[in-house]
Amino acid sequence: MNTKRIIPLILASTAIVALLFGCGDSADIEGEDYGNLLASPAGLVIVEEEHPTGWMRAQCFACHEIRNIHTENRTHLPDEEIDLPGVRAIVRTQGEASCVLCHGDNGVPQ
């Protein structure tokens, strides 16, 4: 088979796989559960010992799906004190730039 036929075949196969499996946006929202972050040693601020795999990585949404974060109040504080809809609105508006507001810089040089 010549290369002029292989490349379109690969692209078509990739498109079919993407259509069959999708990107996950229609999956149920499960929420990420890291427990009560306020009870961790640095509170909401992420430190290397608690986040070794993602430490110094600026692309938070590469691992943390935006639809699955800030979905449940696990702080044991009253919901009136933890405005999760407001937090989700900030994240939607500001994207990954909003993460540092509460979680620190994750070791990423500013």
PDB file of N, CA and C in Angstrom:
ATOM      1  N   MET A   1       0.847  -1.164   0.000  1.00  0.00           N
ATOM      2  CA  MET A   1       0.000   0.000   0.000  1.00  0.00           C
ATOM      3  C   MET A   1       0.896   1.231   0.000  1.00  0.00           C
ATOM      4  N   ASN A   2       0.572   2.226  -0.807  1.00  0.00           N
ATOM      5  CA  ASN A   2       1.429   3.407  -0.837  1.00  0.00           C
ATOM      6  C   ASN A   2       1.003   4.406   0.240  1.00  0.00           C
ATOM      7  N   THR A   3       1.896   5.336   0.531  1.00  0.00           N
ATOM      8  CA  THR A   3       1.658   6.276   1.638  1.00  0.00           C
ATOM      9  C   THR A   3       0.501   7.228   1.353  1.00  0.00           C
ATOM     10  N   LYS A   4       0.186   7.481   0.099  1.00  0.00           N
ATOM     11  CA  LYS A   4      -0.939   8.365  -0.219  1.00  0.00           C
ATOM     12  C   LYS A   4      -2.261   7.741   0.223  1.00  0.00           C
ATOM     13  N   ARG A   5      -2.307   6.438   0.326  1.00  0.00           N
ATOM     14  CA  ARG A   5      -3.527   5.755   0.771  1.00  0.00           C
ATOM     15  C   ARG A   5      -3.512   5.472   2.268  1.00  0.00           C
ATOM     16  N   ILE A   6      -2.353   5.342   2.851  1.00  0.00           N
ATOM     17  CA  ILE A   6      -2.247   5.000   4.271  1.00  0.00           C
ATOM     18  C   ILE A   6      -2.712   6.157   5.157  1.00  0.00           C
ATOM     19  N   ILE A   7      -2.270   7.367   4.854  1.00  0.00           N
ATOM     20  CA  ILE A   7      -2.604   8.519   5.700  1.00  0.00           C
ATOM     21  C   ILE A   7      -4.112   8.738   5.767  1.00  0.00           C
ATOM     22  N   PRO A   8      -4.853   8.789   4.644  1.00  0.00           N
ATOM     23  CA  PRO A   8      -6.306   8.934   4.756  1.00  0.00           C
ATOM     24  C   PRO A   8      -6.964   7.769   5.499  1.00  0.00           C
ATOM     25  N   LEU A   9      -6.414   6.570   5.340  1.00  0.00           N
ATOM     26  CA  LEU A   9      -6.950   5.406   6.041  1.00  0.00           C
ATOM     27  C   LEU A   9      -6.778   5.561   7.553  1.00  0.00           C
ATOM     28  N   ILE A  10      -5.625   6.022   7.968  1.00  0.00           N
ATOM     29  CA  ILE A  10      -5.360   6.249   9.392  1.00  0.00           C
ATOM     30  C   ILE A  10      -6.289   7.333   9.928  1.00  0.00           C
ATOM     31  N   LEU A  11      -6.436   8.429   9.189  1.00  0.00           N
ATOM     32  CA  LEU A  11      -7.312   9.517   9.625  1.00  0.00           C
ATOM     33  C   LEU A  11      -8.768   9.054   9.724  1.00  0.00           C
ATOM     34  N   ALA A  12      -9.214   8.291   8.755  1.00  0.00           N
ATOM     35  CA  ALA A  12     -10.582   7.776   8.775  1.00  0.00           C
ATOM     36  C   ALA A  12     -10.778   6.834   9.956  1.00  0.00           C
ATOM     37  N   SER A  13      -9.812   5.970  10.215  1.00  0.00           N
ATOM     38  CA  SER A  13      -9.901   5.046  11.345  1.00  0.00           C
ATOM     39  C   SER A  13      -9.955   5.801  12.668  1.00  0.00           C
ATOM     40  N   THR A  14      -9.144   6.839  12.791  1.00  0.00           N
ATOM     41  CA  THR A  14      -9.133   7.653  14.006  1.00  0.00           C
ATOM     42  C   THR A  14     -10.478   8.337  14.203  1.00  0.00           C
ATOM     43  N   ALA A  15     -11.045   8.863  13.124  1.00  0.00           N
ATOM     44  CA  ALA A  15     -12.351   9.520  13.210  1.00  0.00           C
ATOM     45  C   ALA A  15     -13.434   8.541  13.636  1.00  0.00           C
ATOM     46  N   ILE A  16     -13.399   7.339  13.116  1.00  0.00           N
ATOM     47  CA  ILE A  16     -14.391   6.325  13.482  1.00  0.00           C
ATOM     48  C   ILE A  16     -14.265   5.967  14.955  1.00  0.00           C
ATOM     49  N   VAL A  17     -13.041   5.771  15.433  1.00  0.00           N
ATOM     50  CA  VAL A  17     -12.818   5.451  16.848  1.00  0.00           C
ATOM     51  C   VAL A  17     -13.324   6.599  17.722  1.00  0.00           C
ATOM     52  N   ALA A  18     -13.037   7.847  17.334  1.00  0.00           N
ATOM     53  CA  ALA A  18     -13.494   9.008  18.106  1.00  0.00           C
ATOM     54  C   ALA A  18     -15.012   9.067  18.161  1.00  0.00           C
ATOM     55  N   LEU A  19     -15.664   8.759  17.055  1.00  0.00           N
ATOM     56  CA  LEU A  19     -17.124   8.762  17.040  1.00  0.00           C
ATOM     57  C   LEU A  19     -17.699   7.649  17.916  1.00  0.00           C
ATOM     58  N   LEU A  20     -17.076   6.496  17.878  1.00  0.00           N
ATOM     59  CA  LEU A  20     -17.572   5.372  18.661  1.00  0.00           C
ATOM     60  C   LEU A  20     -17.395   5.580  20.162  1.00  0.00           C
ATOM     61  N   PHE A  21     -16.242   6.108  20.547  1.00  0.00           N
ATOM     62  CA  PHE A  21     -15.930   6.230  21.961  1.00  0.00           C
ATOM     63  C   PHE A  21     -16.156   7.627  22.512  1.00  0.00           C
ATOM     64  N   GLY A  22     -16.194   8.622  21.650  1.00  0.00           N
ATOM     65  CA  GLY A  22     -16.433   9.993  22.074  1.00  0.00           C
ATOM     66  C   GLY A  22     -15.345  10.521  22.979  1.00  0.00           C
ATOM     67  N   CYS A  23     -15.543  11.730  23.440  1.00  0.00           N
ATOM     68  CA  CYS A  23     -14.557  12.373  24.304  1.00  0.00           C
ATOM     69  C   CYS A  23     -14.971  12.368  25.757  1.00  0.00           C
ATOM     70  N   GLY A  24     -16.065  11.756  26.067  1.00  0.00           N
ATOM     71  CA  GLY A  24     -16.473  11.642  27.455  1.00  0.00           C
ATOM     72  C   GLY A  24     -17.389  12.746  27.929  1.00  0.00           C
ATOM     73  N   ASP A  25     -17.766  13.727  27.065  1.00  0.00           N
ATOM     74  CA  ASP A  25     -18.601  14.766  27.601  1.00  0.00           C
ATOM     75  C   ASP A  25     -20.007  14.369  27.949  1.00  0.00           C
ATOM     76  N   SER A  26     -20.480  13.255  27.510  1.00  0.00           N
ATOM     77  CA  SER A  26     -21.844  12.856  27.843  1.00  0.00           C
ATOM     78  C   SER A  26     -21.888  11.892  29.034  1.00  0.00           C
ATOM     79  N   ALA A  27     -20.755  11.588  29.589  1.00  0.00           N
ATOM     80  CA  ALA A  27     -20.714  10.675  30.739  1.00  0.00           C
ATOM     81  C   ALA A  27     -21.320  11.347  31.967  1.00  0.00           C
ATOM     82  N   ASP A  28     -21.786  10.544  32.890  1.00  0.00           N
ATOM     83  CA  ASP A  28     -22.340  11.082  34.123  1.00  0.00           C
ATOM     84  C   ASP A  28     -21.256  11.798  34.912  1.00  0.00           C
ATOM     85  N   ILE A  29     -21.662  12.857  35.585  1.00  0.00           N
ATOM     86  CA  ILE A  29     -20.733  13.591  36.442  1.00  0.00           C
ATOM     87  C   ILE A  29     -20.624  12.818  37.750  1.00  0.00           C
ATOM     88  N   GLU A  30     -19.433  12.386  38.078  1.00  0.00           N
ATOM     89  CA  GLU A  30     -19.208  11.597  39.280  1.00  0.00           C
ATOM     90  C   GLU A  30     -18.566  12.426  40.380  1.00  0.00           C
ATOM     91  N   GLY A  31     -17.821  13.433  40.021  1.00  0.00           N
ATOM     92  CA  GLY A  31     -17.124  14.250  40.999  1.00  0.00           C
ATOM     93  C   GLY A  31     -15.835  13.589  41.450  1.00  0.00           C
ATOM     94  N   GLU A  32     -14.825  14.389  41.598  1.00  0.00           N
ATOM     95  CA  GLU A  32     -13.550  13.894  42.105  1.00  0.00           C
ATOM     96  C   GLU A  32     -13.585  13.986  43.618  1.00  0.00           C
ATOM     97  N   ASP A  33     -13.207  12.931  44.301  1.00  0.00           N
ATOM     98  CA  ASP A  33     -13.287  12.897  45.751  1.00  0.00           C
ATOM     99  C   ASP A  33     -11.901  12.790  46.363  1.00  0.00           C
ATOM    100  N   TYR A  34     -11.433  13.913  46.895  1.00  0.00           N
ATOM    101  CA  TYR A  34     -10.145  13.941  47.584  1.00  0.00           C
ATOM    102  C   TYR A  34     -10.366  14.157  49.083  1.00  0.00           C
ATOM    103  N   GLY A  35     -11.608  13.929  49.518  1.00  0.00           N
ATOM    104  CA  GLY A  35     -11.930  14.119  50.920  1.00  0.00           C
ATOM    105  C   GLY A  35     -12.021  15.595  51.266  1.00  0.00           C
ATOM    106  N   ASN A  36     -11.917  15.892  52.532  1.00  0.00           N
ATOM    107  CA  ASN A  36     -11.989  17.260  53.024  1.00  0.00           C
ATOM    108  C   ASN A  36     -10.613  17.901  52.898  1.00  0.00           C
ATOM    109  N   LEU A  37     -10.414  18.680  51.855  1.00  0.00           N
ATOM    110  CA  LEU A  37      -9.106  19.301  51.638  1.00  0.00           C
ATOM    111  C   LEU A  37      -8.745  20.293  52.736  1.00  0.00           C
ATOM    112  N   LEU A  38      -9.739  20.847  53.412  1.00  0.00           N
ATOM    113  CA  LEU A  38      -9.429  21.768  54.509  1.00  0.00           C
ATOM    114  C   LEU A  38      -8.711  21.060  55.646  1.00  0.00           C
ATOM    115  N   ALA A  39      -8.887  19.745  55.750  1.00  0.00           N
ATOM    116  CA  ALA A  39      -8.247  18.968  56.815  1.00  0.00           C
ATOM    117  C   ALA A  39      -6.839  18.513  56.433  1.00  0.00           C
ATOM    118  N   SER A  40      -6.413  18.751  55.202  1.00  0.00           N
ATOM    119  CA  SER A  40      -5.066  18.332  54.790  1.00  0.00           C
ATOM    120  C   SER A  40      -4.030  19.308  55.347  1.00  0.00           C
ATOM    121  N   PRO A  41      -2.743  18.926  55.371  1.00  0.00           N
ATOM    122  CA  PRO A  41      -1.714  19.749  56.007  1.00  0.00           C
ATOM    123  C   PRO A  41      -1.657  21.204  55.528  1.00  0.00           C
ATOM    124  N   ALA A  42      -1.890  21.449  54.249  1.00  0.00           N
ATOM    125  CA  ALA A  42      -1.821  22.814  53.726  1.00  0.00           C
ATOM    126  C   ALA A  42      -3.204  23.359  53.365  1.00  0.00           C
ATOM    127  N   GLY A  43      -4.250  22.694  53.837  1.00  0.00           N
ATOM    128  CA  GLY A  43      -5.600  23.148  53.504  1.00  0.00           C
ATOM    129  C   GLY A  43      -5.857  23.003  52.018  1.00  0.00           C
ATOM    130  N   LEU A  44      -6.473  23.997  51.422  1.00  0.00           N
ATOM    131  CA  LEU A  44      -6.793  23.947  49.993  1.00  0.00           C
ATOM    132  C   LEU A  44      -5.555  24.035  49.104  1.00  0.00           C
ATOM    133  N   VAL A  45      -4.468  24.587  49.643  1.00  0.00           N
ATOM    134  CA  VAL A  45      -3.248  24.759  48.848  1.00  0.00           C
ATOM    135  C   VAL A  45      -2.617  23.399  48.573  1.00  0.00           C
ATOM    136  N   ILE A  46      -2.329  23.172  47.318  1.00  0.00           N
ATOM    137  CA  ILE A  46      -1.739  21.898  46.896  1.00  0.00           C
ATOM    138  C   ILE A  46      -0.246  21.910  47.174  1.00  0.00           C
ATOM    139  N   VAL A  47       0.237  20.845  47.799  1.00  0.00           N
ATOM    140  CA  VAL A  47       1.667  20.695  48.061  1.00  0.00           C
ATOM    141  C   VAL A  47       2.149  19.403  47.406  1.00  0.00           C
ATOM    142  N   GLU A  48       3.437  19.347  47.172  1.00  0.00           N
ATOM    143  CA  GLU A  48       4.021  18.222  46.431  1.00  0.00           C
ATOM    144  C   GLU A  48       3.693  16.867  47.060  1.00  0.00           C
ATOM    145  N   GLU A  49       3.761  16.759  48.366  1.00  0.00           N
ATOM    146  CA  GLU A  49       3.527  15.463  49.009  1.00  0.00           C
ATOM    147  C   GLU A  49       2.112  14.938  48.782  1.00  0.00           C
ATOM    148  N   GLU A  50       1.163  15.830  48.561  1.00  0.00           N
ATOM    149  CA  GLU A  50      -0.224  15.407  48.321  1.00  0.00           C
ATOM    150  C   GLU A  50      -0.557  15.272  46.834  1.00  0.00           C
ATOM    151  N   HIS A  51       0.286  15.816  45.999  1.00  0.00           N
ATOM    152  CA  HIS A  51      -0.012  15.879  44.558  1.00  0.00           C
ATOM    153  C   HIS A  51       1.232  15.529  43.739  1.00  0.00           C
ATOM    154  N   PRO A  52       1.889  14.397  44.060  1.00  0.00           N
ATOM    155  CA  PRO A  52       3.179  14.093  43.426  1.00  0.00           C
ATOM    156  C   PRO A  52       3.115  13.904  41.912  1.00  0.00           C
ATOM    157  N   THR A  53       2.056  13.318  41.411  1.00  0.00           N
ATOM    158  CA  THR A  53       1.980  13.062  39.966  1.00  0.00           C
ATOM    159  C   THR A  53       1.782  14.335  39.179  1.00  0.00           C
ATOM    160  N   GLY A  54       1.015  15.266  39.729  1.00  0.00           N
ATOM    161  CA  GLY A  54       0.724  16.496  39.005  1.00  0.00           C
ATOM    162  C   GLY A  54       1.563  17.681  39.422  1.00  0.00           C
ATOM    163  N   TRP A  55       2.471  17.470  40.383  1.00  0.00           N
ATOM    164  CA  TRP A  55       3.277  18.579  40.891  1.00  0.00           C
ATOM    165  C   TRP A  55       4.079  19.220  39.769  1.00  0.00           C
ATOM    166  N   MET A  56       4.048  20.533  39.700  1.00  0.00           N
ATOM    167  CA  MET A  56       4.752  21.374  38.716  1.00  0.00           C
ATOM    168  C   MET A  56       4.163  21.257  37.305  1.00  0.00           C
ATOM    169  N   ARG A  57       2.957  20.768  37.194  1.00  0.00           N
ATOM    170  CA  ARG A  57       2.278  20.724  35.898  1.00  0.00           C
ATOM    171  C   ARG A  57       1.229  21.827  35.873  1.00  0.00           C
ATOM    172  N   ALA A  58       1.313  22.687  34.892  1.00  0.00           N
ATOM    173  CA  ALA A  58       0.417  23.843  34.811  1.00  0.00           C
ATOM    174  C   ALA A  58      -0.944  23.497  34.222  1.00  0.00           C
ATOM    175  N   GLN A  59      -1.049  22.420  33.493  1.00  0.00           N
ATOM    176  CA  GLN A  59      -2.296  22.077  32.809  1.00  0.00           C
ATOM    177  C   GLN A  59      -3.181  21.223  33.714  1.00  0.00           C
ATOM    178  N   CYS A  60      -3.849  21.858  34.658  1.00  0.00           N
ATOM    179  CA  CYS A  60      -4.684  21.131  35.627  1.00  0.00           C
ATOM    180  C   CYS A  60      -5.767  20.307  34.940  1.00  0.00           C
ATOM    181  N   PHE A  61      -6.365  20.865  33.883  1.00  0.00           N
ATOM    182  CA  PHE A  61      -7.491  20.204  33.229  1.00  0.00           C
ATOM    183  C   PHE A  61      -7.063  19.021  32.362  1.00  0.00           C
ATOM    184  N   ALA A  62      -5.777  18.779  32.250  1.00  0.00           N
ATOM    185  CA  ALA A  62      -5.336  17.574  31.542  1.00  0.00           C
ATOM    186  C   ALA A  62      -5.708  16.335  32.360  1.00  0.00           C
ATOM    187  N   CYS A  63      -5.747  16.483  33.670  1.00  0.00           N
ATOM    188  CA  CYS A  63      -6.113  15.359  34.546  1.00  0.00           C
ATOM    189  C   CYS A  63      -7.450  15.573  35.245  1.00  0.00           C
ATOM    190  N   HIS A  64      -7.753  16.807  35.590  1.00  0.00           N
ATOM    191  CA  HIS A  64      -8.972  17.110  36.339  1.00  0.00           C
ATOM    192  C   HIS A  64     -10.036  17.632  35.383  1.00  0.00           C
ATOM    193  N   GLU A  65     -10.987  16.784  35.075  1.00  0.00           N
ATOM    194  CA  GLU A  65     -12.067  17.138  34.150  1.00  0.00           C
ATOM    195  C   GLU A  65     -12.928  18.232  34.770  1.00  0.00           C
ATOM    196  N   ILE A  66     -13.074  19.323  34.052  1.00  0.00           N
ATOM    197  CA  ILE A  66     -13.757  20.507  34.575  1.00  0.00           C
ATOM    198  C   ILE A  66     -15.176  20.192  35.062  1.00  0.00           C
ATOM    199  N   ARG A  67     -15.845  19.244  34.433  1.00  0.00           N
ATOM    200  CA  ARG A  67     -17.210  18.896  34.842  1.00  0.00           C
ATOM    201  C   ARG A  67     -17.240  18.098  36.140  1.00  0.00           C
ATOM    202  N   ASN A  68     -16.123  17.535  36.551  1.00  0.00           N
ATOM    203  CA  ASN A  68     -16.077  16.674  37.731  1.00  0.00           C
ATOM    204  C   ASN A  68     -15.459  17.324  38.955  1.00  0.00           C
ATOM    205  N   ILE A  69     -15.098  18.599  38.854  1.00  0.00           N
ATOM    206  CA  ILE A  69     -14.495  19.257  40.022  1.00  0.00           C
ATOM    207  C   ILE A  69     -15.507  20.217  40.644  1.00  0.00           C
ATOM    208  N   HIS A  70     -15.379  20.420  41.933  1.00  0.00           N
ATOM    209  CA  HIS A  70     -16.232  21.342  42.679  1.00  0.00           C
ATOM    210  C   HIS A  70     -17.712  20.979  42.547  1.00  0.00           C
ATOM    211  N   THR A  71     -18.000  19.693  42.610  1.00  0.00           N
ATOM    212  CA  THR A  71     -19.390  19.241  42.474  1.00  0.00           C
ATOM    213  C   THR A  71     -20.038  18.917  43.811  1.00  0.00           C
ATOM    214  N   GLU A  72     -19.235  18.695  44.843  1.00  0.00           N
ATOM    215  CA  GLU A  72     -19.794  18.306  46.138  1.00  0.00           C
ATOM    216  C   GLU A  72     -19.007  18.966  47.260  1.00  0.00           C
ATOM    217  N   ASN A  73     -19.718  19.466  48.245  1.00  0.00           N
ATOM    218  CA  ASN A  73     -19.095  20.084  49.409  1.00  0.00           C
ATOM    219  C   ASN A  73     -18.635  18.980  50.358  1.00  0.00           C
ATOM    220  N   ARG A  74     -17.331  18.788  50.439  1.00  0.00           N
ATOM    221  CA  ARG A  74     -16.772  17.771  51.334  1.00  0.00           C
ATOM    222  C   ARG A  74     -16.048  18.393  52.522  1.00  0.00           C
ATOM    223  N   THR A  75     -16.258  19.686  52.735  1.00  0.00           N
ATOM    224  CA  THR A  75     -15.534  20.406  53.787  1.00  0.00           C
ATOM    225  C   THR A  75     -16.160  20.265  55.164  1.00  0.00           C
ATOM    226  N   HIS A  76     -17.381  19.802  55.233  1.00  0.00           N
ATOM    227  CA  HIS A  76     -18.154  19.736  56.471  1.00  0.00           C
ATOM    228  C   HIS A  76     -18.582  21.122  56.947  1.00  0.00           C
ATOM    229  N   LEU A  77     -18.357  22.153  56.119  1.00  0.00           N
ATOM    230  CA  LEU A  77     -18.881  23.487  56.402  1.00  0.00           C
ATOM    231  C   LEU A  77     -20.266  23.584  55.771  1.00  0.00           C
ATOM    232  N   PRO A  78     -21.115  24.476  56.288  1.00  0.00           N
ATOM    233  CA  PRO A  78     -22.450  24.629  55.688  1.00  0.00           C
ATOM    234  C   PRO A  78     -22.355  25.058  54.224  1.00  0.00           C
ATOM    235  N   ASP A  79     -23.295  24.584  53.416  1.00  0.00           N
ATOM    236  CA  ASP A  79     -23.292  24.922  51.990  1.00  0.00           C
ATOM    237  C   ASP A  79     -23.332  26.426  51.754  1.00  0.00           C
ATOM    238  N   GLU A  80     -23.936  27.181  52.684  1.00  0.00           N
ATOM    239  CA  GLU A  80     -23.976  28.639  52.525  1.00  0.00           C
ATOM    240  C   GLU A  80     -22.576  29.255  52.568  1.00  0.00           C
ATOM    241  N   GLU A  81     -21.657  28.587  53.245  1.00  0.00           N
ATOM    242  CA  GLU A  81     -20.283  29.085  53.341  1.00  0.00           C
ATOM    243  C   GLU A  81     -19.417  28.631  52.164  1.00  0.00           C
ATOM    244  N   ILE A  82     -19.818  27.570  51.509  1.00  0.00           N
ATOM    245  CA  ILE A  82     -19.066  27.038  50.369  1.00  0.00           C
ATOM    246  C   ILE A  82     -19.951  27.194  49.138  1.00  0.00           C
ATOM    247  N   ASP A  83     -19.703  28.219  48.362  1.00  0.00           N
ATOM    248  CA  ASP A  83     -20.531  28.540  47.200  1.00  0.00           C
ATOM    249  C   ASP A  83     -20.028  27.789  45.967  1.00  0.00           C
ATOM    250  N   LEU A  84     -20.333  26.493  45.904  1.00  0.00           N
ATOM    251  CA  LEU A  84     -19.847  25.686  44.784  1.00  0.00           C
ATOM    252  C   LEU A  84     -20.360  26.168  43.428  1.00  0.00           C
ATOM    253  N   PRO A  85     -21.625  26.572  43.295  1.00  0.00           N
ATOM    254  CA  PRO A  85     -22.045  27.117  41.990  1.00  0.00           C
ATOM    255  C   PRO A  85     -21.217  28.344  41.596  1.00  0.00           C
ATOM    256  N   GLY A  86     -20.903  29.190  42.578  1.00  0.00           N
ATOM    257  CA  GLY A  86     -20.065  30.359  42.303  1.00  0.00           C
ATOM    258  C   GLY A  86     -18.651  29.963  41.907  1.00  0.00           C
ATOM    259  N   VAL A  87     -18.110  28.956  42.591  1.00  0.00           N
ATOM    260  CA  VAL A  87     -16.760  28.465  42.269  1.00  0.00           C
ATOM    261  C   VAL A  87     -16.742  27.896  40.843  1.00  0.00           C
ATOM    262  N   ARG A  88     -17.756  27.095  40.510  1.00  0.00           N
ATOM    263  CA  ARG A  88     -17.819  26.525  39.156  1.00  0.00           C
ATOM    264  C   ARG A  88     -17.936  27.624  38.099  1.00  0.00           C
ATOM    265  N   ALA A  89     -18.665  28.693  38.407  1.00  0.00           N
ATOM    266  CA  ALA A  89     -18.787  29.812  37.462  1.00  0.00           C
ATOM    267  C   ALA A  89     -17.434  30.483  37.243  1.00  0.00           C
ATOM    268  N   ILE A  90     -16.679  30.669  38.317  1.00  0.00           N
ATOM    269  CA  ILE A  90     -15.341  31.264  38.195  1.00  0.00           C
ATOM    270  C   ILE A  90     -14.440  30.375  37.351  1.00  0.00           C
ATOM    271  N   VAL A  91     -14.479  29.070  37.603  1.00  0.00           N
ATOM    272  CA  VAL A  91     -13.643  28.136  36.837  1.00  0.00           C
ATOM    273  C   VAL A  91     -14.041  28.147  35.357  1.00  0.00           C
ATOM    274  N   ARG A  92     -15.352  28.180  35.083  1.00  0.00           N
ATOM    275  CA  ARG A  92     -15.803  28.231  33.676  1.00  0.00           C
ATOM    276  C   ARG A  92     -15.317  29.504  32.995  1.00  0.00           C
ATOM    277  N   THR A  93     -15.355  30.620  33.708  1.00  0.00           N
ATOM    278  CA  THR A  93     -14.972  31.909  33.142  1.00  0.00           C
ATOM    279  C   THR A  93     -13.463  32.054  32.990  1.00  0.00           C
ATOM    280  N   GLN A  94     -12.723  31.703  34.042  1.00  0.00           N
ATOM    281  CA  GLN A  94     -11.278  31.944  34.064  1.00  0.00           C
ATOM    282  C   GLN A  94     -10.448  30.725  33.686  1.00  0.00           C
ATOM    283  N   GLY A  95     -11.069  29.565  33.609  1.00  0.00           N
ATOM    284  CA  GLY A  95     -10.335  28.357  33.240  1.00  0.00           C
ATOM    285  C   GLY A  95      -9.271  27.999  34.258  1.00  0.00           C
ATOM    286  N   GLU A  96      -8.177  27.463  33.768  1.00  0.00           N
ATOM    287  CA  GLU A  96      -7.105  26.993  34.655  1.00  0.00           C
ATOM    288  C   GLU A  96      -6.459  28.120  35.455  1.00  0.00           C
ATOM    289  N   ALA A  97      -6.569  29.342  34.968  1.00  0.00           N
ATOM    290  CA  ALA A  97      -6.010  30.472  35.714  1.00  0.00           C
ATOM    291  C   ALA A  97      -6.682  30.626  37.078  1.00  0.00           C
ATOM    292  N   SER A  98      -7.901  30.125  37.225  1.00  0.00           N
ATOM    293  CA  SER A  98      -8.622  30.241  38.496  1.00  0.00           C
ATOM    294  C   SER A  98      -8.102  29.272  39.551  1.00  0.00           C
ATOM    295  N   CYS A  99      -7.448  28.210  39.160  1.00  0.00           N
ATOM    296  CA  CYS A  99      -7.007  27.182  40.114  1.00  0.00           C
ATOM    297  C   CYS A  99      -6.095  27.761  41.193  1.00  0.00           C
ATOM    298  N   VAL A 100      -5.180  28.651  40.821  1.00  0.00           N
ATOM    299  CA  VAL A 100      -4.216  29.197  41.783  1.00  0.00           C
ATOM    300  C   VAL A 100      -4.875  30.056  42.843  1.00  0.00           C
ATOM    301  N   LEU A 101      -6.068  30.565  42.571  1.00  0.00           N
ATOM    302  CA  LEU A 101      -6.751  31.410  43.550  1.00  0.00           C
ATOM    303  C   LEU A 101      -6.985  30.670  44.863  1.00  0.00           C
ATOM    304  N   CYS A 102      -7.297  29.404  44.791  1.00  0.00           N
ATOM    305  CA  CYS A 102      -7.577  28.606  45.997  1.00  0.00           C
ATOM    306  C   CYS A 102      -6.527  27.536  46.283  1.00  0.00           C
ATOM    307  N   HIS A 103      -5.914  27.013  45.238  1.00  0.00           N
ATOM    308  CA  HIS A 103      -5.042  25.849  45.401  1.00  0.00           C
ATOM    309  C   HIS A 103      -3.555  26.142  45.298  1.00  0.00           C
ATOM    310  N   GLY A 104      -3.181  27.408  45.189  1.00  0.00           N
ATOM    311  CA  GLY A 104      -1.770  27.758  45.086  1.00  0.00           C
ATOM    312  C   GLY A 104      -1.230  27.460  43.701  1.00  0.00           C
ATOM    313  N   ASP A 105       0.082  27.616  43.548  1.00  0.00           N
ATOM    314  CA  ASP A 105       0.691  27.534  42.220  1.00  0.00           C
ATOM    315  C   ASP A 105       1.118  26.127  41.807  1.00  0.00           C
ATOM    316  N   ASN A 106       0.898  25.118  42.659  1.00  0.00           N
ATOM    317  CA  ASN A 106       1.245  23.728  42.323  1.00  0.00           C
ATOM    318  C   ASN A 106       2.720  23.588  41.934  1.00  0.00           C
ATOM    319  N   GLY A 107       3.561  24.457  42.482  1.00  0.00           N
ATOM    320  CA  GLY A 107       4.993  24.371  42.191  1.00  0.00           C
ATOM    321  C   GLY A 107       5.385  24.935  40.848  1.00  0.00           C
ATOM    322  N   VAL A 108       4.427  25.512  40.122  1.00  0.00           N
ATOM    323  CA  VAL A 108       4.707  26.063  38.791  1.00  0.00           C
ATOM    324  C   VAL A 108       5.253  27.469  38.955  1.00  0.00           C
ATOM    325  N   PRO A 109       6.451  27.736  38.426  1.00  0.00           N
ATOM    326  CA  PRO A 109       7.012  29.094  38.545  1.00  0.00           C
ATOM    327  C   PRO A 109       6.088  30.119  37.883  1.00  0.00           C
ATOM    328  N   GLN A 110       5.879  31.215  38.596  1.00  0.00           N
ATOM    329  CA  GLN A 110       5.003  32.294  38.099  1.00  0.00           C
ATOM    330  C   GLN A 110       5.769  33.284  37.266  1.00  0.00           C
TER     331      GLN A 110
END
